[in-house]
Amino acid sequence: MTVHPAPPTDLTGLTDAYEQTTRAVLELGRACPPERAGDPTPCPGWDVFAQVAHVESLEAVFGGEPMPQLTIEERPHVRNDVGVMVEILIESRRDLSLPELCDRLEQVIEARVAHFRSEDVDPDAEVSTPFGMMRTVDFLALRCFDIWCHEQDLRETLGRPGNLDSPAAAISMSRMYASLGRIAVAAGVPVGQSVVVELTGPVTGRAAVEVVEQGGKVRGVPTEVSDEAALCVLALGTREAGRLVAGREPLGLDGGFGWSAFGDEDTAAALVRHFAVTP
């Protein structure tokens, strides 16, 4: 797997990426006209306010704020316990205005960045997360991916594209490549066949997986293969890959996100349909 620019993997680089994408969310929230705070975004069930509230409230909880004691009704876009927790947090911010919420987000960013830059933080220490125990650096990379996806939701909604070449974008593309084996299996790539996904930019990259049977299970494993030997080569840009890996659909458009393929186009289309890796 190659990704350029290379995603940061150390605590300092990840903290820089985290600060950059969270501050981008803050900037987008501050720039949003008050009358557009309720505009729907590509994230199902969420408006602009909910996007900013999600980032602010979840980071506040990770920073030590207790969970609010609220209950919510069933919502069609909520599929699991983590989704319920996220919706409760967003609901707990609904009595705020968007400018008030942004003020809180700025304070949370400063506190979280100060925490990650503290000498007391061990990058390899295991921390408790909604997805189980994770190393600090792995959890921070996951937060960069999640926040960048929501940053892009806001950019799509507000017509302010950008940060497709940012460190958080590179982190997000590397996470897509890390999931490529699962994507290939879910897409029905036959055992013994390989597929390639090529990123055309601004973050560029290339990775291939071969579907094999190991221990009675079908898996996708990293491999090296030429375009000609692969079942297909799927080519798409950073924006398109980022939207698909987040499980999004084009806002107000039909036909999906653009991509091209060399080889078996049906397999490429199946890969696209199974790109989502967010919970």
Protein backbone atom coordinates (compact mmCIF):
# COMPACT_ATOMS: atom_id res chain seq x y z
CA MET A 1 0.00 0.00 0.00
CA THR A 2 1.25 3.46 -0.89
CA VAL A 3 -0.39 6.76 0.12
CA HIS A 4 0.97 10.21 -0.72
CA PRO A 5 1.28 12.39 1.24
CA ALA A 6 2.01 9.75 3.85
CA PRO A 7 -0.40 9.81 6.79
CA PRO A 8 1.09 10.69 10.18
CA THR A 9 1.42 7.78 12.59
CA ASP A 10 3.24 9.35 15.54
CA LEU A 11 1.47 11.20 18.36
CA THR A 12 2.76 14.63 17.33
CA GLY A 13 1.70 14.26 13.71
CA LEU A 14 -1.67 12.79 14.64
CA THR A 15 -2.30 15.61 17.11
CA ASP A 16 -1.52 18.15 14.38
CA ALA A 17 -3.96 16.37 12.04
CA TYR A 18 -6.61 16.23 14.76
CA GLU A 19 -6.27 19.93 15.53
CA GLN A 20 -6.40 20.87 11.85
CA THR A 21 -9.60 18.96 11.05
CA THR A 22 -11.41 19.93 14.27
CA ARG A 23 -10.57 23.58 13.70
CA ALA A 24 -11.86 23.24 10.14
CA VAL A 25 -15.20 22.06 11.60
CA LEU A 26 -15.14 25.05 13.94
CA GLU A 27 -14.43 27.43 11.06
CA LEU A 28 -17.26 25.95 8.99
CA GLY A 29 -19.65 26.21 11.93
CA ARG A 30 -18.75 29.83 12.54
CA ALA A 31 -19.13 30.66 8.83
CA CYS A 32 -22.56 29.04 8.55
CA PRO A 33 -25.41 31.61 8.38
CA PRO A 34 -27.84 31.06 11.30
CA GLU A 35 -30.70 30.30 8.92
CA ARG A 36 -28.72 27.37 7.45
CA ALA A 37 -28.00 25.58 10.74
CA GLY A 38 -30.95 23.28 10.04
CA ASP A 39 -29.93 22.42 6.48
CA PRO A 40 -29.72 18.65 5.89
CA THR A 41 -26.28 17.17 5.26
CA PRO A 42 -25.15 13.97 3.52
CA CYS A 43 -25.04 12.18 6.89
CA PRO A 44 -28.51 10.60 7.25
CA GLY A 45 -30.71 12.36 9.81
CA TRP A 46 -28.21 15.12 10.59
CA ASP A 47 -28.37 18.84 9.88
CA VAL A 48 -25.47 21.31 10.03
CA PHE A 49 -26.01 21.88 13.76
CA ALA A 50 -25.89 18.12 14.44
CA GLN A 51 -22.57 17.79 12.61
CA VAL A 52 -20.91 20.42 14.79
CA ALA A 53 -22.68 19.12 17.91
CA HIS A 54 -21.41 15.60 17.23
CA VAL A 55 -17.79 16.69 17.12
CA GLU A 56 -18.08 18.99 20.13
CA SER A 57 -20.06 16.64 22.37
CA LEU A 58 -18.13 13.46 21.64
CA GLU A 59 -14.77 15.12 22.15
CA ALA A 60 -16.09 16.66 25.38
CA VAL A 61 -17.04 13.20 26.66
CA PHE A 62 -13.67 11.77 25.64
CA GLY A 63 -12.18 14.64 27.62
CA GLY A 64 -14.04 13.61 30.78
CA GLU A 65 -17.50 15.21 30.57
CA PRO A 66 -20.19 12.81 31.89
CA MET A 67 -22.83 11.44 29.56
CA PRO A 68 -26.11 13.38 29.75
CA GLN A 69 -29.05 11.55 31.30
CA LEU A 70 -31.43 11.65 28.35
CA THR A 71 -33.50 9.20 26.36
CA ILE A 72 -34.39 9.51 22.70
CA GLU A 73 -37.04 8.00 20.50
CA GLU A 74 -36.12 5.42 17.85
CA ARG A 75 -34.62 6.99 14.74
CA PRO A 76 -34.29 5.20 11.38
CA HIS A 77 -30.65 6.20 10.89
CA VAL A 78 -29.55 4.83 14.30
CA ARG A 79 -28.41 1.23 13.97
CA ASN A 80 -26.47 0.36 17.14
CA ASP A 81 -25.64 1.35 20.72
CA VAL A 82 -22.86 3.69 19.64
CA GLY A 83 -25.35 5.45 17.37
CA VAL A 84 -27.75 5.87 20.31
CA MET A 85 -24.97 7.39 22.43
CA VAL A 86 -24.08 9.82 19.65
CA GLU A 87 -27.72 10.89 19.19
CA ILE A 88 -28.13 11.48 22.93
CA LEU A 89 -25.08 13.71 22.90
CA ILE A 90 -26.35 15.73 19.95
CA GLU A 91 -29.78 16.09 21.54
CA SER A 92 -28.16 17.41 24.71
CA ARG A 93 -26.85 20.40 22.71
CA ARG A 94 -30.11 21.35 21.00
CA ASP A 95 -30.85 24.20 23.43
CA LEU A 96 -27.71 26.00 22.24
CA SER A 97 -27.41 28.33 19.26
CA LEU A 98 -24.84 27.42 16.62
CA PRO A 99 -22.52 30.28 17.73
CA GLU A 100 -22.77 29.09 21.36
CA LEU A 101 -22.01 25.54 20.24
CA CYS A 102 -18.97 26.77 18.31
CA ASP A 103 -17.71 28.57 21.42
CA ARG A 104 -17.90 25.27 23.30
CA LEU A 105 -16.17 23.44 20.46
CA GLU A 106 -13.28 25.90 20.54
CA GLN A 107 -12.80 25.26 24.26
CA VAL A 108 -12.94 21.49 23.74
CA ILE A 109 -10.37 21.64 20.94
CA GLU A 110 -7.95 23.60 23.10
CA ALA A 111 -8.36 21.15 25.99
CA ARG A 112 -8.02 18.02 23.85
CA VAL A 113 -5.00 19.29 21.93
CA ALA A 114 -3.32 20.30 25.20
CA HIS A 115 -4.00 16.79 26.51
CA PHE A 116 -2.48 15.04 23.50
CA ARG A 117 0.55 17.34 23.60
CA SER A 118 1.12 16.66 27.30
CA GLU A 119 4.26 14.76 28.25
CA ASP A 120 2.06 12.53 30.41
CA VAL A 121 0.39 10.92 27.36
CA ASP A 122 1.85 7.56 26.35
CA PRO A 123 1.18 7.00 22.63
CA ASP A 124 1.15 3.23 23.10
CA ALA A 125 -1.00 3.15 26.23
CA GLU A 126 -4.33 1.34 25.93
CA VAL A 127 -7.36 3.59 26.34
CA SER A 128 -11.04 2.71 26.65
CA THR A 129 -13.16 3.65 23.60
CA PRO A 130 -16.69 2.89 22.39
CA PHE A 131 -15.06 0.24 20.18
CA GLY A 132 -13.03 -1.44 22.92
CA MET A 133 -9.48 -0.91 24.13
CA MET A 134 -7.17 0.82 21.66
CA ARG A 135 -3.71 2.35 21.69
CA THR A 136 -3.76 6.12 22.09
CA VAL A 137 -2.31 6.70 18.61
CA ASP A 138 -4.79 4.30 17.00
CA PHE A 139 -7.72 5.98 18.73
CA LEU A 140 -6.48 9.43 17.72
CA ALA A 141 -6.19 8.27 14.09
CA LEU A 142 -9.76 6.99 14.30
CA ARG A 143 -10.93 10.36 15.63
CA CYS A 144 -9.15 12.12 12.75
CA PHE A 145 -10.97 9.89 10.26
CA ASP A 146 -14.37 10.41 11.86
CA ILE A 147 -14.01 14.18 12.22
CA TRP A 148 -12.65 14.59 8.68
CA CYS A 149 -15.70 12.73 7.32
CA HIS A 150 -17.99 15.16 9.15
CA GLU A 151 -15.88 18.10 8.03
CA GLN A 152 -16.47 16.95 4.46
CA ASP A 153 -20.22 16.63 5.16
CA LEU A 154 -20.23 20.29 6.17
CA ARG A 155 -18.18 21.30 3.15
CA GLU A 156 -20.55 19.49 0.80
CA THR A 157 -23.58 21.14 2.40
CA LEU A 158 -22.18 24.66 2.62
CA GLY A 159 -20.44 24.63 -0.75
CA ARG A 160 -16.95 25.09 0.71
CA PRO A 161 -14.75 22.28 -0.66
CA GLY A 162 -11.30 21.81 0.77
CA ASN A 163 -8.83 19.81 2.87
CA LEU A 164 -8.76 16.92 0.41
CA ASP A 165 -4.95 16.92 0.72
CA SER A 166 -4.81 17.40 4.50
CA PRO A 167 -3.13 15.02 6.97
CA ALA A 168 -6.59 13.84 8.11
CA ALA A 169 -7.46 13.10 4.47
CA ALA A 170 -4.33 10.95 4.17
CA ILE A 171 -5.26 9.15 7.40
CA SER A 172 -8.75 8.51 6.06
CA MET A 173 -7.45 7.10 2.78
CA SER A 174 -5.07 4.79 4.64
CA ARG A 175 -8.01 3.51 6.69
CA MET A 176 -9.87 2.82 3.46
CA TYR A 177 -6.92 0.80 2.20
CA ALA A 178 -6.69 -1.06 5.51
CA SER A 179 -10.31 -2.17 4.96
CA LEU A 180 -9.82 -3.17 1.33
CA GLY A 181 -9.62 -6.90 2.11
CA ARG A 182 -13.03 -6.83 3.81
CA ILE A 183 -14.45 -4.70 0.99
CA ALA A 184 -13.25 -7.18 -1.64
CA VAL A 185 -14.77 -10.15 0.18
CA ALA A 186 -18.07 -8.30 0.73
CA ALA A 187 -18.12 -7.40 -2.96
CA GLY A 188 -17.92 -11.08 -3.90
CA VAL A 189 -14.47 -11.09 -5.52
CA PRO A 190 -13.78 -14.79 -6.27
CA VAL A 191 -11.09 -16.72 -4.41
CA GLY A 192 -7.83 -16.50 -6.29
CA GLN A 193 -8.60 -13.13 -7.88
CA SER A 194 -7.03 -9.77 -7.08
CA VAL A 195 -8.36 -6.22 -7.27
CA VAL A 196 -6.61 -2.87 -7.20
CA VAL A 197 -7.86 0.48 -5.90
CA GLU A 198 -6.01 3.52 -7.20
CA LEU A 199 -6.46 7.00 -5.72
CA THR A 200 -6.06 9.72 -8.34
CA GLY A 201 -5.73 12.68 -5.96
CA PRO A 202 -5.28 15.05 -4.28
CA VAL A 203 -4.20 12.23 -1.92
CA THR A 204 -2.85 9.57 -4.25
CA GLY A 205 -2.33 5.91 -3.58
CA ARG A 206 -2.47 2.34 -4.78
CA ALA A 207 -3.18 -0.95 -3.04
CA ALA A 208 -4.16 -4.44 -4.11
CA VAL A 209 -5.68 -7.40 -2.32
CA GLU A 210 -6.09 -11.03 -3.31
CA VAL A 211 -9.04 -13.02 -2.04
CA VAL A 212 -7.86 -16.31 -0.54
CA GLU A 213 -9.25 -19.08 1.63
CA GLN A 214 -7.38 -19.48 4.91
CA GLY A 215 -8.43 -21.82 7.69
CA GLY A 216 -11.85 -22.30 6.17
CA LYS A 217 -12.47 -18.54 5.91
CA VAL A 218 -12.40 -16.30 2.89
CA ARG A 219 -10.15 -13.28 3.37
CA GLY A 220 -8.67 -10.46 1.37
CA VAL A 221 -4.91 -10.16 1.87
CA PRO A 222 -2.47 -7.52 0.58
CA THR A 223 -0.67 -8.45 -2.60
CA GLU A 224 1.30 -7.02 -5.50
CA VAL A 225 -0.32 -7.35 -8.91
CA SER A 226 -0.14 -5.61 -12.26
CA ASP A 227 -3.16 -3.86 -13.72
CA GLU A 228 -3.32 -6.47 -16.45
CA ALA A 229 -3.32 -9.41 -13.99
CA ALA A 230 -5.93 -7.91 -11.64
CA LEU A 231 -9.62 -8.70 -12.04
CA CYS A 232 -10.20 -4.95 -12.03
CA VAL A 233 -8.55 -1.65 -11.20
CA LEU A 234 -10.92 0.83 -9.57
CA ALA A 235 -9.78 4.45 -9.90
CA LEU A 236 -11.34 7.34 -8.02
CA GLY A 237 -10.43 10.63 -6.39
CA THR A 238 -9.92 11.47 -2.73
CA ARG A 239 -13.31 13.21 -2.47
CA GLU A 240 -15.16 10.28 -4.02
CA ALA A 241 -13.31 7.68 -1.93
CA GLY A 242 -13.86 9.71 1.22
CA ARG A 243 -17.57 10.05 0.59
CA LEU A 244 -17.98 6.36 -0.24
CA VAL A 245 -15.91 5.11 2.72
CA ALA A 246 -18.15 7.23 4.98
CA GLY A 247 -21.26 5.64 3.45
CA ARG A 248 -22.50 8.89 1.95
CA GLU A 249 -24.47 9.65 -1.22
CA PRO A 250 -24.20 12.78 -3.36
CA LEU A 251 -26.24 15.62 -1.91
CA GLY A 252 -29.10 16.42 -4.29
CA LEU A 253 -27.62 14.38 -7.15
CA ASP A 254 -28.46 11.04 -8.74
CA GLY A 255 -26.06 8.46 -10.09
CA GLY A 256 -23.55 8.21 -7.28
CA PHE A 257 -19.95 9.43 -7.13
CA GLY A 258 -17.71 9.28 -10.17
CA TRP A 259 -15.19 6.48 -10.69
CA SER A 260 -13.57 4.59 -13.55
CA ALA A 261 -12.41 1.03 -14.00
CA PHE A 262 -9.95 -1.02 -15.99
CA GLY A 263 -10.97 -4.66 -16.33
CA ASP A 264 -14.20 -6.11 -14.94
CA GLU A 265 -16.52 -3.13 -14.43
CA ASP A 266 -19.14 -5.23 -12.61
CA THR A 267 -16.57 -6.10 -9.95
CA ALA A 268 -15.53 -2.45 -9.70
CA ALA A 269 -19.17 -1.44 -9.20
CA ALA A 270 -19.54 -4.11 -6.49
CA LEU A 271 -16.48 -2.71 -4.70
CA VAL A 272 -18.02 0.77 -4.77
CA ARG A 273 -21.27 -0.55 -3.29
CA HIS A 274 -19.36 -2.03 -0.33
CA PHE A 275 -16.91 0.80 0.33
CA ALA A 276 -18.51 2.07 3.54
CA VAL A 277 -16.47 1.29 6.67
CA THR A 278 -18.12 3.67 9.17
CA PRO A 279 -20.37 2.08 11.85
